[in-house]
């Protein structure tokens, strides 16, 4: 009976360690995702500032000569 309890305690400690490792990895991945999303937002803002006509609203431009 004692060996079964010891075995269960060992398994529990391994599972707790694995859970801690997965939690840390999940946290790190979430930080990376948040950083990528922030950078993407900055790129979108920069693109809008550099060329506002890219969105397809080029009503001021005449059509190209081949039309």
N, C-alpha and C. Protein backbone atom coordinates (compact mmCIF):
# COMPACT_ATOMS: atom_id res chain seq x y z
N UNK A 1 0.83 -1.20 0.00
CA UNK A 1 0.00 0.00 0.00
C UNK A 1 0.86 1.26 0.00
N UNK A 2 1.92 1.21 0.78
CA UNK A 2 2.83 2.36 0.87
C UNK A 2 3.50 2.65 -0.47
N UNK A 3 3.88 1.59 -1.20
CA UNK A 3 4.55 1.79 -2.49
C UNK A 3 3.57 2.38 -3.52
N UNK A 4 2.29 2.03 -3.44
CA UNK A 4 1.30 2.60 -4.35
C UNK A 4 1.13 4.10 -4.10
N UNK A 5 1.11 4.48 -2.83
CA UNK A 5 0.98 5.89 -2.49
C UNK A 5 2.22 6.66 -2.96
N UNK A 6 3.38 6.07 -2.76
CA UNK A 6 4.62 6.71 -3.20
C UNK A 6 4.62 6.88 -4.72
N UNK A 7 4.17 5.84 -5.42
CA UNK A 7 4.09 5.91 -6.88
C UNK A 7 3.15 7.01 -7.35
N UNK A 8 2.01 7.12 -6.68
CA UNK A 8 1.06 8.17 -7.01
C UNK A 8 1.62 9.56 -6.73
N UNK A 9 2.34 9.69 -5.64
CA UNK A 9 2.96 10.98 -5.31
C UNK A 9 4.00 11.37 -6.36
N UNK A 10 4.76 10.39 -6.83
CA UNK A 10 5.76 10.65 -7.86
C UNK A 10 5.08 11.09 -9.15
N UNK A 11 4.03 10.37 -9.54
CA UNK A 11 3.30 10.74 -10.75
C UNK A 11 2.70 12.13 -10.63
N UNK A 12 2.17 12.44 -9.46
CA UNK A 12 1.58 13.76 -9.24
C UNK A 12 2.63 14.85 -9.36
N UNK A 13 3.80 14.62 -8.81
CA UNK A 13 4.85 15.64 -8.88
C UNK A 13 5.30 15.84 -10.32
N UNK A 14 5.38 14.78 -11.12
CA UNK A 14 5.73 14.91 -12.53
C UNK A 14 4.65 15.67 -13.30
N UNK A 15 3.41 15.39 -12.99
CA UNK A 15 2.31 16.09 -13.67
C UNK A 15 2.29 17.57 -13.29
N UNK A 16 2.56 17.88 -12.05
CA UNK A 16 2.62 19.28 -11.63
C UNK A 16 3.76 20.01 -12.34
N UNK A 17 4.90 19.35 -12.47
CA UNK A 17 6.03 19.97 -13.16
C UNK A 17 5.70 20.19 -14.64
N UNK A 18 5.05 19.22 -15.26
CA UNK A 18 4.67 19.37 -16.66
C UNK A 18 3.65 20.49 -16.82
N UNK A 19 2.71 20.58 -15.91
CA UNK A 19 1.71 21.65 -15.97
C UNK A 19 2.36 23.02 -15.80
N UNK A 20 3.31 23.13 -14.90
CA UNK A 20 4.04 24.39 -14.71
C UNK A 20 4.79 24.77 -15.99
N UNK A 21 5.43 23.79 -16.62
CA UNK A 21 6.17 24.05 -17.85
C UNK A 21 5.23 24.50 -18.97
N UNK A 22 4.09 23.84 -19.10
CA UNK A 22 3.11 24.22 -20.11
C UNK A 22 2.55 25.62 -19.86
N UNK A 23 2.33 25.93 -18.60
CA UNK A 23 1.83 27.27 -18.26
C UNK A 23 2.83 28.34 -18.63
N UNK A 24 4.11 28.09 -18.34
CA UNK A 24 5.16 29.04 -18.72
C UNK A 24 5.24 29.20 -20.23
N UNK A 25 5.18 28.10 -20.96
CA UNK A 25 5.24 28.16 -22.42
C UNK A 25 4.04 28.92 -22.97
N UNK A 26 2.87 28.68 -22.41
CA UNK A 26 1.66 29.37 -22.85
C UNK A 26 1.80 30.87 -22.61
N UNK A 27 2.32 31.24 -21.47
CA UNK A 27 2.51 32.66 -21.15
C UNK A 27 3.48 33.31 -22.12
N UNK A 28 4.59 32.63 -22.41
CA UNK A 28 5.57 33.17 -23.35
C UNK A 28 4.97 33.32 -24.74
N UNK A 29 4.20 32.33 -25.18
CA UNK A 29 3.58 32.41 -26.50
C UNK A 29 2.57 33.55 -26.56
N UNK A 30 1.84 33.76 -25.50
CA UNK A 30 0.88 34.87 -25.47
C UNK A 30 1.60 36.21 -25.56
N UNK A 31 2.75 36.32 -24.91
CA UNK A 31 3.53 37.56 -25.00
C UNK A 31 4.00 37.79 -26.43
N UNK A 32 4.44 36.73 -27.10
CA UNK A 32 4.88 36.85 -28.49
C UNK A 32 3.71 37.27 -29.38
N UNK A 33 2.56 36.67 -29.17
CA UNK A 33 1.37 37.02 -29.95
C UNK A 33 1.01 38.48 -29.73
N UNK A 34 1.02 38.92 -28.50
CA UNK A 34 0.70 40.32 -28.20
C UNK A 34 1.69 41.27 -28.87
N UNK A 35 2.97 40.91 -28.87
CA UNK A 35 3.98 41.75 -29.52
C UNK A 35 3.75 41.81 -31.03
N UNK A 36 3.44 40.68 -31.63
CA UNK A 36 3.19 40.64 -33.07
C UNK A 36 1.96 41.46 -33.42
N UNK A 37 0.92 41.36 -32.62
CA UNK A 37 -0.29 42.15 -32.89
C UNK A 37 -0.02 43.64 -32.76
N UNK A 38 0.78 44.03 -31.78
CA UNK A 38 1.12 45.44 -31.62
C UNK A 38 1.93 45.94 -32.81
N UNK A 39 2.88 45.13 -33.27
CA UNK A 39 3.69 45.52 -34.42
C UNK A 39 2.82 45.60 -35.68
N UNK A 40 1.90 44.68 -35.84
CA UNK A 40 1.00 44.70 -36.98
C UNK A 40 0.15 45.97 -36.98
N UNK A 41 -0.32 46.36 -35.82
CA UNK A 41 -1.10 47.59 -35.72
C UNK A 41 -0.26 48.80 -36.10
N UNK A 42 1.00 48.82 -35.66
CA UNK A 42 1.89 49.92 -36.03
C UNK A 42 2.13 49.97 -37.53
N UNK A 43 2.29 48.80 -38.14
CA UNK A 43 2.50 48.75 -39.59
C UNK A 43 1.26 49.24 -40.32
N UNK A 44 0.09 48.88 -39.87
CA UNK A 44 -1.14 49.35 -40.49
C UNK A 44 -1.24 50.88 -40.43
N UNK A 45 -0.91 51.43 -39.27
CA UNK A 45 -0.95 52.89 -39.10
C UNK A 45 0.06 53.55 -40.03
N UNK A 46 1.26 52.99 -40.10
CA UNK A 46 2.29 53.56 -40.97
C UNK A 46 1.86 53.51 -42.44
N UNK A 47 1.27 52.40 -42.86
CA UNK A 47 0.82 52.29 -44.24
C UNK A 47 -0.28 53.29 -44.55
N UNK A 48 -1.18 53.50 -43.62
CA UNK A 48 -2.25 54.47 -43.84
C UNK A 48 -1.69 55.88 -43.93
N UNK A 49 -0.67 56.18 -43.16
CA UNK A 49 -0.07 57.50 -43.18
C UNK A 49 0.74 57.73 -44.45
N UNK A 50 1.42 56.69 -44.93
CA UNK A 50 2.28 56.83 -46.10
C UNK A 50 1.49 56.95 -47.39
N UNK A 51 0.44 56.18 -47.54
CA UNK A 51 -0.30 56.19 -48.79
C UNK A 51 -1.79 56.02 -48.53
N UNK A 52 -2.48 57.10 -48.26
CA UNK A 52 -3.91 57.00 -47.99
C UNK A 52 -4.71 56.56 -49.20
N UNK A 53 -4.16 56.67 -50.42
CA UNK A 53 -4.89 56.27 -51.62
C UNK A 53 -4.88 54.79 -51.88
N UNK A 54 -4.13 54.03 -51.13
CA UNK A 54 -4.05 52.58 -51.35
C UNK A 54 -5.38 51.89 -51.08
N UNK A 55 -6.20 52.46 -50.27
CA UNK A 55 -7.45 51.79 -49.89
C UNK A 55 -8.41 51.67 -51.05
N UNK A 56 -8.07 52.19 -52.21
CA UNK A 56 -8.95 52.07 -53.37
C UNK A 56 -9.73 53.34 -53.64
N UNK A 57 -9.59 54.35 -52.83
CA UNK A 57 -10.31 55.61 -53.01
C UNK A 57 -9.44 56.56 -53.83
N UNK A 58 -9.28 56.27 -55.12
CA UNK A 58 -8.48 57.12 -55.98
C UNK A 58 -9.37 57.80 -57.02
N UNK A 59 -10.43 58.43 -56.57
CA UNK A 59 -11.38 59.07 -57.45
C UNK A 59 -10.82 60.30 -58.15
N UNK A 60 -9.75 60.88 -57.63
CA UNK A 60 -9.17 62.07 -58.23
C UNK A 60 -8.28 61.74 -59.43
N UNK A 61 -7.82 60.51 -59.52
CA UNK A 61 -6.94 60.13 -60.60
C UNK A 61 -7.73 59.74 -61.84
N UNK A 62 -7.31 60.21 -63.00
CA UNK A 62 -7.98 59.77 -64.23
C UNK A 62 -7.58 58.33 -64.54
N UNK A 63 -8.37 57.62 -65.32
CA UNK A 63 -8.00 56.24 -65.65
C UNK A 63 -6.74 56.22 -66.52
N UNK A 64 -6.02 55.14 -66.49
CA UNK A 64 -4.82 55.04 -67.32
C UNK A 64 -5.16 55.18 -68.80
N UNK A 65 -4.19 55.56 -69.63
CA UNK A 65 -4.49 55.83 -71.04
C UNK A 65 -4.96 54.61 -71.82
N UNK A 66 -4.68 53.43 -71.40
CA UNK A 66 -5.09 52.26 -72.17
C UNK A 66 -6.55 51.89 -71.96
N UNK A 67 -7.30 52.67 -71.18
CA UNK A 67 -8.73 52.37 -70.99
C UNK A 67 -9.58 53.17 -71.91
